[in-house]
N, C-alpha and C. Protein backbone atom coordinates (compact mmCIF):
# COMPACT_ATOMS: atom_id res chain seq x y z
N ASN A 1 0.82 -1.20 0.00
CA ASN A 1 0.00 0.00 0.00
C ASN A 1 0.86 1.26 0.00
N LEU A 2 2.00 1.20 0.68
CA LEU A 2 2.89 2.35 0.71
C LEU A 2 3.46 2.64 -0.68
N VAL A 3 3.75 1.59 -1.42
CA VAL A 3 4.28 1.78 -2.77
C VAL A 3 3.26 2.49 -3.64
N VAL A 4 2.00 2.10 -3.56
CA VAL A 4 0.94 2.74 -4.33
C VAL A 4 0.79 4.20 -3.87
N ALA A 5 0.87 4.44 -2.57
CA ALA A 5 0.77 5.80 -2.05
C ALA A 5 1.92 6.66 -2.56
N LEU A 6 3.13 6.09 -2.61
CA LEU A 6 4.27 6.83 -3.16
C LEU A 6 4.05 7.15 -4.63
N GLY A 7 3.46 6.21 -5.35
CA GLY A 7 3.14 6.45 -6.76
C GLY A 7 2.15 7.58 -6.92
N ASP A 8 1.12 7.60 -6.08
CA ASP A 8 0.14 8.68 -6.13
C ASP A 8 0.79 10.02 -5.77
N MET A 9 1.68 9.99 -4.78
CA MET A 9 2.38 11.22 -4.40
C MET A 9 3.25 11.73 -5.54
N ALA A 10 3.86 10.80 -6.26
CA ALA A 10 4.75 11.19 -7.35
C ALA A 10 4.01 11.95 -8.44
N VAL A 11 2.75 11.60 -8.65
CA VAL A 11 1.96 12.30 -9.66
C VAL A 11 1.68 13.73 -9.21
N CYS A 12 1.36 13.90 -7.95
CA CYS A 12 1.01 15.23 -7.43
C CYS A 12 2.23 16.03 -6.98
N PHE A 13 3.20 15.37 -6.40
CA PHE A 13 4.37 16.05 -5.83
C PHE A 13 5.65 15.41 -6.35
N ASN A 14 5.79 15.38 -7.67
CA ASN A 14 6.90 14.63 -8.24
C ASN A 14 8.27 15.15 -7.83
N HIS A 15 8.39 16.43 -7.48
CA HIS A 15 9.69 16.94 -7.05
C HIS A 15 10.13 16.30 -5.73
N LEU A 16 9.19 15.95 -4.86
CA LEU A 16 9.53 15.29 -3.60
C LEU A 16 9.96 13.84 -3.83
N ILE A 17 9.23 13.16 -4.67
CA ILE A 17 9.55 11.75 -4.94
C ILE A 17 10.81 11.65 -5.78
N ASP A 18 10.98 12.58 -6.73
CA ASP A 18 12.14 12.56 -7.60
C ASP A 18 13.45 12.56 -6.81
N GLU A 19 13.46 13.27 -5.69
CA GLU A 19 14.66 13.35 -4.85
C GLU A 19 14.87 12.06 -4.04
N ASN A 20 13.84 11.26 -3.91
CA ASN A 20 13.90 10.08 -3.05
C ASN A 20 13.51 8.79 -3.76
N THR A 21 13.78 8.71 -5.05
CA THR A 21 13.37 7.52 -5.80
C THR A 21 14.08 6.26 -5.34
N ASP A 22 15.24 6.41 -4.71
CA ASP A 22 15.97 5.23 -4.23
C ASP A 22 15.10 4.39 -3.30
N PHE A 23 14.31 5.05 -2.47
CA PHE A 23 13.43 4.32 -1.55
C PHE A 23 12.42 3.47 -2.32
N LEU A 24 11.92 4.02 -3.39
CA LEU A 24 10.94 3.30 -4.21
C LEU A 24 11.61 2.13 -4.94
N TYR A 25 12.76 2.38 -5.56
CA TYR A 25 13.46 1.33 -6.31
C TYR A 25 13.89 0.17 -5.41
N ARG A 26 14.20 0.45 -4.14
CA ARG A 26 14.62 -0.61 -3.23
C ARG A 26 13.55 -1.68 -3.04
N ARG A 27 12.32 -1.32 -3.22
CA ARG A 27 11.23 -2.29 -3.07
C ARG A 27 11.24 -3.32 -4.19
N LEU A 28 11.98 -3.07 -5.26
CA LEU A 28 12.12 -4.07 -6.32
C LEU A 28 12.89 -5.30 -5.83
N CYS A 29 13.58 -5.17 -4.72
CA CYS A 29 14.33 -6.28 -4.14
C CYS A 29 13.63 -6.87 -2.93
N ASP A 30 12.40 -6.46 -2.69
CA ASP A 30 11.65 -6.93 -1.53
C ASP A 30 11.42 -8.44 -1.64
N GLU A 31 11.43 -9.11 -0.51
CA GLU A 31 11.21 -10.56 -0.50
C GLU A 31 9.76 -10.92 -0.81
N ASP A 32 8.85 -10.03 -0.51
CA ASP A 32 7.43 -10.26 -0.76
C ASP A 32 7.13 -9.99 -2.24
N GLN A 33 6.72 -11.03 -2.96
CA GLN A 33 6.48 -10.90 -4.40
C GLN A 33 5.41 -9.86 -4.72
N SER A 34 4.40 -9.74 -3.87
CA SER A 34 3.33 -8.76 -4.16
C SER A 34 3.85 -7.34 -4.02
N VAL A 35 4.77 -7.10 -3.08
CA VAL A 35 5.38 -5.77 -2.94
C VAL A 35 6.23 -5.47 -4.16
N LYS A 36 7.04 -6.45 -4.57
CA LYS A 36 7.90 -6.29 -5.74
C LYS A 36 7.07 -6.01 -6.99
N ARG A 37 6.01 -6.78 -7.17
CA ARG A 37 5.14 -6.63 -8.35
C ARG A 37 4.46 -5.26 -8.35
N THR A 38 3.96 -4.84 -7.19
CA THR A 38 3.30 -3.53 -7.09
C THR A 38 4.29 -2.40 -7.35
N CYS A 39 5.50 -2.56 -6.83
CA CYS A 39 6.53 -1.55 -7.05
C CYS A 39 6.87 -1.45 -8.54
N LEU A 40 7.07 -2.58 -9.19
CA LEU A 40 7.38 -2.58 -10.62
C LEU A 40 6.25 -1.95 -11.42
N MET A 41 5.02 -2.28 -11.07
CA MET A 41 3.86 -1.72 -11.77
C MET A 41 3.81 -0.19 -11.57
N THR A 42 4.06 0.25 -10.35
CA THR A 42 4.02 1.67 -10.04
C THR A 42 5.14 2.41 -10.77
N LEU A 43 6.35 1.88 -10.72
CA LEU A 43 7.47 2.51 -11.42
C LEU A 43 7.25 2.52 -12.92
N THR A 44 6.71 1.45 -13.46
CA THR A 44 6.40 1.39 -14.89
C THR A 44 5.48 2.53 -15.28
N PHE A 45 4.41 2.71 -14.53
CA PHE A 45 3.48 3.79 -14.82
C PHE A 45 4.16 5.15 -14.70
N LEU A 46 4.88 5.38 -13.61
CA LEU A 46 5.50 6.68 -13.36
C LEU A 46 6.54 7.04 -14.41
N ILE A 47 7.37 6.07 -14.79
CA ILE A 47 8.42 6.34 -15.76
C ILE A 47 7.84 6.55 -17.16
N LEU A 48 6.96 5.65 -17.58
CA LEU A 48 6.40 5.76 -18.93
C LEU A 48 5.51 6.99 -19.08
N ALA A 49 4.90 7.44 -17.98
CA ALA A 49 4.06 8.64 -18.02
C ALA A 49 4.89 9.91 -17.85
N GLY A 50 6.20 9.75 -17.63
CA GLY A 50 7.07 10.91 -17.48
C GLY A 50 6.96 11.59 -16.13
N GLN A 51 6.40 10.92 -15.15
CA GLN A 51 6.23 11.50 -13.81
C GLN A 51 7.51 11.44 -12.99
N VAL A 52 8.36 10.45 -13.27
CA VAL A 52 9.62 10.28 -12.55
C VAL A 52 10.73 10.22 -13.58
N LYS A 53 11.78 10.97 -13.34
CA LYS A 53 12.93 10.94 -14.24
C LYS A 53 13.77 9.70 -13.92
N VAL A 54 14.21 9.05 -14.98
CA VAL A 54 15.04 7.87 -14.82
C VAL A 54 16.47 8.33 -14.61
N LYS A 55 17.06 7.82 -13.57
CA LYS A 55 18.47 8.15 -13.32
C LYS A 55 19.28 6.89 -13.47
N GLY A 56 19.99 6.48 -12.46
CA GLY A 56 20.83 5.30 -12.58
C GLY A 56 20.20 4.01 -12.10
N GLN A 57 18.90 4.02 -11.85
CA GLN A 57 18.28 2.86 -11.23
C GLN A 57 17.63 1.88 -12.21
N LEU A 58 17.70 2.14 -13.49
CA LEU A 58 17.05 1.23 -14.44
C LEU A 58 17.63 -0.18 -14.38
N GLY A 59 18.86 -0.29 -13.93
CA GLY A 59 19.46 -1.62 -13.78
C GLY A 59 18.69 -2.47 -12.79
N GLU A 60 18.14 -1.82 -11.76
CA GLU A 60 17.32 -2.56 -10.78
C GLU A 60 16.06 -3.11 -11.45
N MET A 61 15.49 -2.31 -12.35
CA MET A 61 14.31 -2.80 -13.08
C MET A 61 14.71 -3.90 -14.05
N ALA A 62 15.91 -3.79 -14.62
CA ALA A 62 16.38 -4.81 -15.56
C ALA A 62 16.54 -6.16 -14.87
N LYS A 63 16.92 -6.15 -13.60
CA LYS A 63 17.05 -7.42 -12.86
C LYS A 63 15.71 -8.16 -12.80
N CYS A 64 14.63 -7.42 -12.85
CA CYS A 64 13.29 -8.04 -12.81
C CYS A 64 13.02 -8.88 -14.05
N LEU A 65 13.80 -8.67 -15.12
CA LEU A 65 13.63 -9.47 -16.33
C LEU A 65 13.88 -10.96 -16.06
N GLU A 66 14.68 -11.26 -15.06
CA GLU A 66 15.01 -12.64 -14.73
C GLU A 66 14.43 -13.06 -13.38
N ASP A 67 13.35 -12.42 -12.97
CA ASP A 67 12.71 -12.75 -11.71
C ASP A 67 12.06 -14.13 -11.81
N SER A 68 12.03 -14.84 -10.69
CA SER A 68 11.42 -16.18 -10.68
C SER A 68 9.90 -16.13 -10.86
N ASP A 69 9.29 -15.00 -10.53
CA ASP A 69 7.85 -14.81 -10.72
C ASP A 69 7.61 -14.38 -12.17
N LYS A 70 6.97 -15.22 -12.94
CA LYS A 70 6.75 -14.94 -14.37
C LYS A 70 6.01 -13.63 -14.59
N ARG A 71 5.08 -13.29 -13.70
CA ARG A 71 4.33 -12.04 -13.86
C ARG A 71 5.26 -10.84 -13.76
N ILE A 72 6.24 -10.92 -12.88
CA ILE A 72 7.19 -9.82 -12.73
C ILE A 72 8.10 -9.75 -13.95
N SER A 73 8.63 -10.88 -14.40
CA SER A 73 9.53 -10.85 -15.56
C SER A 73 8.78 -10.40 -16.82
N ASP A 74 7.53 -10.83 -16.98
CA ASP A 74 6.74 -10.39 -18.14
C ASP A 74 6.46 -8.89 -18.08
N MET A 75 6.17 -8.38 -16.89
CA MET A 75 5.91 -6.95 -16.73
C MET A 75 7.18 -6.14 -17.02
N ALA A 76 8.33 -6.66 -16.61
CA ALA A 76 9.59 -5.99 -16.89
C ALA A 76 9.87 -5.96 -18.40
N ARG A 77 9.57 -7.05 -19.08
CA ARG A 77 9.74 -7.09 -20.55
C ARG A 77 8.85 -6.06 -21.23
N MET A 78 7.61 -5.99 -20.76
CA MET A 78 6.68 -5.00 -21.31
C MET A 78 7.20 -3.59 -21.05
N PHE A 79 7.71 -3.34 -19.85
CA PHE A 79 8.24 -2.02 -19.52
C PHE A 79 9.36 -1.62 -20.48
N PHE A 80 10.35 -2.50 -20.66
CA PHE A 80 11.48 -2.15 -21.52
C PHE A 80 11.07 -2.05 -22.98
N SER A 81 10.11 -2.85 -23.40
CA SER A 81 9.61 -2.74 -24.78
C SER A 81 8.95 -1.38 -25.00
N GLU A 82 8.19 -0.92 -24.03
CA GLU A 82 7.56 0.41 -24.12
C GLU A 82 8.60 1.51 -24.00
N LEU A 83 9.54 1.34 -23.08
CA LEU A 83 10.58 2.36 -22.88
C LEU A 83 11.41 2.54 -24.15
N ALA A 84 11.64 1.46 -24.87
CA ALA A 84 12.45 1.51 -26.09
C ALA A 84 11.82 2.38 -27.17
N THR A 85 10.52 2.64 -27.07
CA THR A 85 9.85 3.47 -28.08
C THR A 85 10.03 4.96 -27.78
N LYS A 86 10.62 5.29 -26.65
CA LYS A 86 10.75 6.68 -26.22
C LYS A 86 12.17 7.20 -26.40
N ASP A 87 12.42 7.93 -27.45
CA ASP A 87 13.67 8.67 -27.65
C ASP A 87 14.95 7.94 -27.25
N ASN A 88 15.16 6.77 -27.76
CA ASN A 88 16.40 6.03 -27.52
C ASN A 88 16.70 5.82 -26.04
N ALA A 89 15.68 5.67 -25.22
CA ALA A 89 15.87 5.59 -23.77
C ALA A 89 16.73 4.39 -23.36
N VAL A 90 16.55 3.25 -23.99
CA VAL A 90 17.36 2.08 -23.61
C VAL A 90 18.82 2.34 -23.99
N TYR A 91 19.05 2.88 -25.17
CA TYR A 91 20.41 3.23 -25.59
C TYR A 91 21.03 4.22 -24.61
N ASN A 92 20.29 5.26 -24.27
CA ASN A 92 20.82 6.30 -23.39
C ASN A 92 21.20 5.78 -22.00
N HIS A 93 20.54 4.74 -21.55
CA HIS A 93 20.80 4.22 -20.20
C HIS A 93 21.51 2.87 -20.20
N PHE A 94 21.89 2.39 -21.37
CA PHE A 94 22.48 1.05 -21.48
C PHE A 94 23.74 0.91 -20.63
N VAL A 95 24.65 1.87 -20.72
CA VAL A 95 25.92 1.77 -20.00
C VAL A 95 25.69 1.77 -18.49
N ASP A 96 24.78 2.62 -18.02
CA ASP A 96 24.46 2.63 -16.58
C ASP A 96 23.87 1.29 -16.14
N MET A 97 22.94 0.77 -16.93
CA MET A 97 22.34 -0.53 -16.58
C MET A 97 23.41 -1.62 -16.59
N PHE A 98 24.24 -1.62 -17.62
CA PHE A 98 25.31 -2.61 -17.74
C PHE A 98 26.23 -2.55 -16.52
N SER A 99 26.61 -1.34 -16.12
CA SER A 99 27.51 -1.17 -14.98
C SER A 99 26.91 -1.73 -13.70
N LEU A 100 25.65 -1.39 -13.45
CA LEU A 100 24.99 -1.87 -12.24
C LEU A 100 24.88 -3.39 -12.26
N LEU A 101 24.50 -3.95 -13.39
CA LEU A 101 24.33 -5.40 -13.49
C LEU A 101 25.66 -6.13 -13.36
N SER A 102 26.69 -5.62 -14.00
CA SER A 102 28.00 -6.26 -13.98
C SER A 102 28.63 -6.20 -12.59
N ALA A 103 28.36 -5.13 -11.86
CA ALA A 103 28.94 -4.96 -10.52
C ALA A 103 28.21 -5.78 -9.46
N ASP A 104 27.03 -6.27 -9.78
CA ASP A 104 26.23 -7.02 -8.81
C ASP A 104 26.74 -8.46 -8.72
N GLU A 105 27.50 -8.74 -7.68
CA GLU A 105 28.08 -10.07 -7.51
C GLU A 105 27.03 -11.14 -7.21
N ALA A 106 25.87 -10.71 -6.73
CA ALA A 106 24.80 -11.66 -6.42
C ALA A 106 24.06 -12.12 -7.69
N LEU A 107 24.23 -11.37 -8.77
CA LEU A 107 23.57 -11.72 -10.03
C LEU A 107 24.38 -12.79 -10.75
N GLU A 108 23.76 -13.91 -11.00
CA GLU A 108 24.46 -15.02 -11.66
C GLU A 108 24.80 -14.65 -13.10
N GLU A 109 25.89 -15.23 -13.58
CA GLU A 109 26.38 -14.94 -14.93
C GLU A 109 25.32 -15.20 -16.00
N GLU A 110 24.61 -16.31 -15.88
CA GLU A 110 23.59 -16.65 -16.88
C GLU A 110 22.47 -15.62 -16.89
N ALA A 111 22.02 -15.19 -15.72
CA ALA A 111 20.97 -14.18 -15.63
C ALA A 111 21.47 -12.86 -16.21
N PHE A 112 22.71 -12.50 -15.88
CA PHE A 112 23.31 -11.27 -16.43
C PHE A 112 23.27 -11.31 -17.96
N ARG A 113 23.70 -12.41 -18.52
CA ARG A 113 23.76 -12.53 -19.98
C ARG A 113 22.37 -12.45 -20.62
N LYS A 114 21.39 -13.10 -20.02
CA LYS A 114 20.03 -13.04 -20.57
C LYS A 114 19.50 -11.61 -20.54
N ILE A 115 19.76 -10.90 -19.46
CA ILE A 115 19.28 -9.52 -19.33
C ILE A 115 19.94 -8.62 -20.36
N VAL A 116 21.27 -8.69 -20.45
CA VAL A 116 22.01 -7.84 -21.39
C VAL A 116 21.62 -8.17 -22.83
N LYS A 117 21.44 -9.45 -23.12
CA LYS A 117 21.03 -9.86 -24.47
C LYS A 117 19.67 -9.26 -24.82
N PHE A 118 18.73 -9.30 -23.87
CA PHE A 118 17.41 -8.72 -24.10
C PHE A 118 17.52 -7.21 -24.33
N LEU A 119 18.28 -6.52 -23.49
CA LEU A 119 18.42 -5.07 -23.62
C LEU A 119 19.11 -4.68 -24.93
N ALA A 120 20.07 -5.48 -25.35
CA ALA A 120 20.80 -5.17 -26.59
C ALA A 120 19.91 -5.25 -27.82
N THR A 121 18.80 -5.97 -27.74
CA THR A 121 17.90 -6.06 -28.90
C THR A 121 17.28 -4.71 -29.23
N PHE A 122 17.30 -3.78 -28.27
CA PHE A 122 16.71 -2.46 -28.50
C PHE A 122 17.71 -1.47 -29.09
N ILE A 123 18.96 -1.90 -29.27
CA ILE A 123 19.98 -1.04 -29.88
C ILE A 123 19.97 -1.37 -31.37
N GLU A 124 19.15 -0.64 -32.11
CA GLU A 124 18.92 -0.98 -33.51
C GLU A 124 19.73 -0.15 -34.50
N LYS A 125 20.07 1.06 -34.13
CA LYS A 125 20.81 1.93 -35.06
C LYS A 125 22.29 1.60 -35.03
N ASP A 126 22.90 1.52 -36.22
CA ASP A 126 24.33 1.23 -36.31
C ASP A 126 25.16 2.25 -35.55
N LYS A 127 24.77 3.50 -35.65
CA LYS A 127 25.49 4.58 -34.96
C LYS A 127 25.50 4.34 -33.46
N HIS A 128 24.37 3.95 -32.91
CA HIS A 128 24.28 3.70 -31.47
C HIS A 128 25.10 2.47 -31.08
N ALA A 129 25.06 1.43 -31.91
CA ALA A 129 25.83 0.22 -31.62
C ALA A 129 27.33 0.54 -31.60
N LYS A 130 27.79 1.35 -32.54
CA LYS A 130 29.21 1.72 -32.59
C LYS A 130 29.60 2.56 -31.38
N GLN A 131 28.75 3.51 -31.01
CA GLN A 131 29.06 4.36 -29.86
C GLN A 131 29.11 3.54 -28.56
N LEU A 132 28.14 2.65 -28.39
CA LEU A 132 28.15 1.80 -27.20
C LEU A 132 29.37 0.88 -27.20
N ALA A 133 29.69 0.32 -28.36
CA ALA A 133 30.86 -0.56 -28.46
C ALA A 133 32.12 0.17 -28.05
N ASN A 134 32.27 1.41 -28.49
CA ASN A 134 33.45 2.19 -28.12
C ASN A 134 33.49 2.47 -26.62
N LYS A 135 32.34 2.79 -26.04
CA LYS A 135 32.29 3.05 -24.59
C LYS A 135 32.63 1.79 -23.80
N LEU A 136 32.07 0.67 -24.23
CA LEU A 136 32.34 -0.59 -23.53
C LEU A 136 33.77 -1.06 -23.75
N ALA A 137 34.29 -0.90 -24.97
CA ALA A 137 35.65 -1.34 -25.27
C ALA A 137 36.67 -0.60 -24.42
N ALA A 138 36.39 0.66 -24.12
CA ALA A 138 37.30 1.44 -23.27
C ALA A 138 37.41 0.83 -21.88
N ARG A 139 36.43 0.07 -21.48
CA ARG A 139 36.44 -0.56 -20.16
C ARG A 139 37.30 -1.83 -20.13
N LEU A 140 37.55 -2.43 -21.28
CA LEU A 140 38.29 -3.70 -21.31
C LEU A 140 39.63 -3.59 -20.59
N GLN A 141 40.35 -2.50 -20.83
CA GLN A 141 41.67 -2.35 -20.24
C GLN A 141 41.62 -2.02 -18.74
N ARG A 142 40.44 -1.59 -18.27
CA ARG A 142 40.31 -1.23 -16.85
C ARG A 142 39.66 -2.33 -16.01
N CYS A 143 39.37 -3.45 -16.62
CA CYS A 143 38.72 -4.54 -15.88
C CYS A 143 39.66 -5.09 -14.81
N ASP A 144 39.13 -5.26 -13.61
CA ASP A 144 39.92 -5.76 -12.49
C ASP A 144 39.98 -7.28 -12.43
N ASN A 145 39.00 -7.92 -13.04
CA ASN A 145 38.98 -9.38 -12.97
C ASN A 145 38.38 -9.95 -14.26
N GLU A 146 38.49 -11.25 -14.37
CA GLU A 146 38.05 -11.92 -15.60
C GLU A 146 36.54 -11.85 -15.79
N ARG A 147 35.79 -11.87 -14.70
CA ARG A 147 34.32 -11.78 -14.80
C ARG A 147 33.91 -10.46 -15.45
N GLN A 148 34.50 -9.35 -14.98
CA GLN A 148 34.18 -8.05 -15.58
C GLN A 148 34.54 -8.04 -17.06
N TRP A 149 35.71 -8.58 -17.37
CA TRP A 149 36.17 -8.59 -18.76
C TRP A 149 35.21 -9.42 -19.61
N ASN A 150 34.81 -10.58 -19.10
CA ASN A 150 33.88 -11.44 -19.84
C ASN A 150 32.54 -10.75 -20.05
N ASP A 151 32.08 -10.00 -19.05
CA ASP A 151 30.82 -9.27 -19.18
C ASP A 151 30.90 -8.25 -20.31
N VAL A 152 31.99 -7.50 -20.34
CA VAL A 152 32.17 -6.48 -21.39
C VAL A 152 32.28 -7.17 -22.76
N ALA A 153 33.09 -8.22 -22.83
CA ALA A 153 33.27 -8.93 -24.10
C ALA A 153 31.95 -9.51 -24.60
N PHE A 154 31.15 -10.03 -23.69
CA PHE A 154 29.85 -10.58 -24.07
C PHE A 154 28.96 -9.49 -24.67
N ALA A 155 28.89 -8.34 -24.00
CA ALA A 155 28.06 -7.23 -24.50
C ALA A 155 28.57 -6.75 -25.85
N LEU A 156 29.88 -6.67 -26.00
CA LEU A 156 30.45 -6.24 -27.29
C LEU A 156 30.06 -7.21 -28.40
N GLY A 157 30.02 -8.48 -28.08
CA GLY A 157 29.65 -9.49 -29.07
C GLY A 157 28.21 -9.39 -29.53
N LEU A 158 27.37 -8.77 -28.71
CA LEU A 158 25.96 -8.61 -29.06
C LEU A 158 25.71 -7.41 -29.96
N LEU A 159 26.63 -6.45 -29.93
CA LEU A 159 26.44 -5.20 -30.68
C LEU A 159 27.04 -5.33 -32.08
N ALA A 160 26.32 -4.82 -33.05
CA ALA A 160 26.78 -4.86 -34.44
C ALA A 160 27.67 -3.64 -34.71
N HIS A 161 28.90 -3.68 -34.21
CA HIS A 161 29.77 -2.51 -34.32
C HIS A 161 30.77 -2.59 -35.47
N LYS A 162 31.20 -3.78 -35.85
CA LYS A 162 32.13 -4.00 -36.96
C LYS A 162 33.43 -3.19 -36.82
N ASP A 163 33.97 -3.12 -35.62
CA ASP A 163 35.22 -2.40 -35.38
C ASP A 163 36.32 -3.44 -35.20
N GLU A 164 37.30 -3.44 -36.11
CA GLU A 164 38.35 -4.45 -36.09
C GLU A 164 39.24 -4.33 -34.86
N GLU A 165 39.50 -3.11 -34.40
CA GLU A 165 40.34 -2.91 -33.22
C GLU A 165 39.69 -3.53 -31.98
N ILE A 166 38.38 -3.33 -31.85
CA ILE A 166 37.66 -3.92 -30.72
C ILE A 166 37.69 -5.44 -30.85
N GLY A 167 37.49 -5.95 -32.05
CA GLY A 167 37.55 -7.39 -32.28
C GLY A 167 38.91 -7.97 -31.90
N ARG A 168 39.97 -7.23 -32.19
CA ARG A 168 41.33 -7.68 -31.85
C ARG A 168 41.51 -7.72 -30.33
N MET A 169 41.04 -6.66 -29.64
CA MET A 169 41.16 -6.60 -28.18
C MET A 169 40.43 -7.76 -27.52
N VAL A 170 39.23 -8.04 -27.99
CA VAL A 170 38.45 -9.15 -27.43
C VAL A 170 39.13 -10.47 -27.74
N GLY A 171 39.67 -10.59 -28.95
CA GLY A 171 40.35 -11.82 -29.36
C GLY A 171 41.58 -12.14 -28.52
N GLU A 172 42.25 -11.11 -28.01
CA GLU A 172 43.44 -11.32 -27.19
C GLU A 172 43.10 -11.85 -25.81
N GLY A 173 41.90 -11.62 -25.36
CA GLY A 173 41.47 -12.15 -24.07
C GLY A 173 41.88 -11.28 -22.90
N PHE A 174 41.46 -11.73 -21.71
CA PHE A 174 41.71 -11.00 -20.47
C PHE A 174 43.18 -11.09 -20.10
N LYS A 175 43.76 -9.95 -19.73
CA LYS A 175 45.15 -9.91 -19.29
C LYS A 175 45.20 -9.24 -17.93
N LEU A 176 45.83 -9.89 -17.01
CA LEU A 176 46.00 -9.32 -15.68
C LEU A 176 47.27 -8.49 -15.70
N VAL A 177 47.12 -7.20 -15.46
CA VAL A 177 48.26 -6.29 -15.45
C VAL A 177 48.69 -6.13 -14.00
N GLN A 178 49.95 -6.42 -13.72
CA GLN A 178 50.45 -6.29 -12.36
C GLN A 178 51.46 -5.16 -12.31
N ALA A 179 51.41 -4.42 -11.21
CA ALA A 179 52.36 -3.32 -11.02
C ALA A 179 53.73 -3.91 -10.72
N GLY A 180 54.77 -3.21 -11.17
CA GLY A 180 56.14 -3.66 -10.91
C GLY A 180 56.47 -3.61 -9.43
N ALA A 181 57.31 -4.54 -8.98
CA ALA A 181 57.61 -4.63 -7.54
C ALA A 181 58.59 -3.63 -7.09
């Protein structure tokens, strides 16, 4: 009920909720499926209606794509499908979502890959694919571990970028750089 009340408040007093959206997004991780479902439904309405500005929390909504509750995962798919129709929104937030998902050690590799693969389907313009590939490729050299490197390489493989330099970097594989003693 509080989630619905926050949604109603956001419509009338969106400046108050906009400053505190973290509280709302945290309910996406609630153990109670009905709370999680209500939160996702409320956020879907608020974001698609333009009542709440999307910041760095879309990755939390992306995790719902692999929720064990089919109703939640289906609702998340519908949300991202609708969001993709709005001014390149998935493209604009892809790197933030990728970062949040890749940094989440509790997220299993298979779930991560399914989520990123689904999100990458909304990157349809060649220009956007190339720009994302360049942003992600820049991360390859800064990866601290093989998991991060594999995550970036996987995402690069999904994008139609056709950049030979990026292909070469991925082909060389993960390298652990150690500081001199």
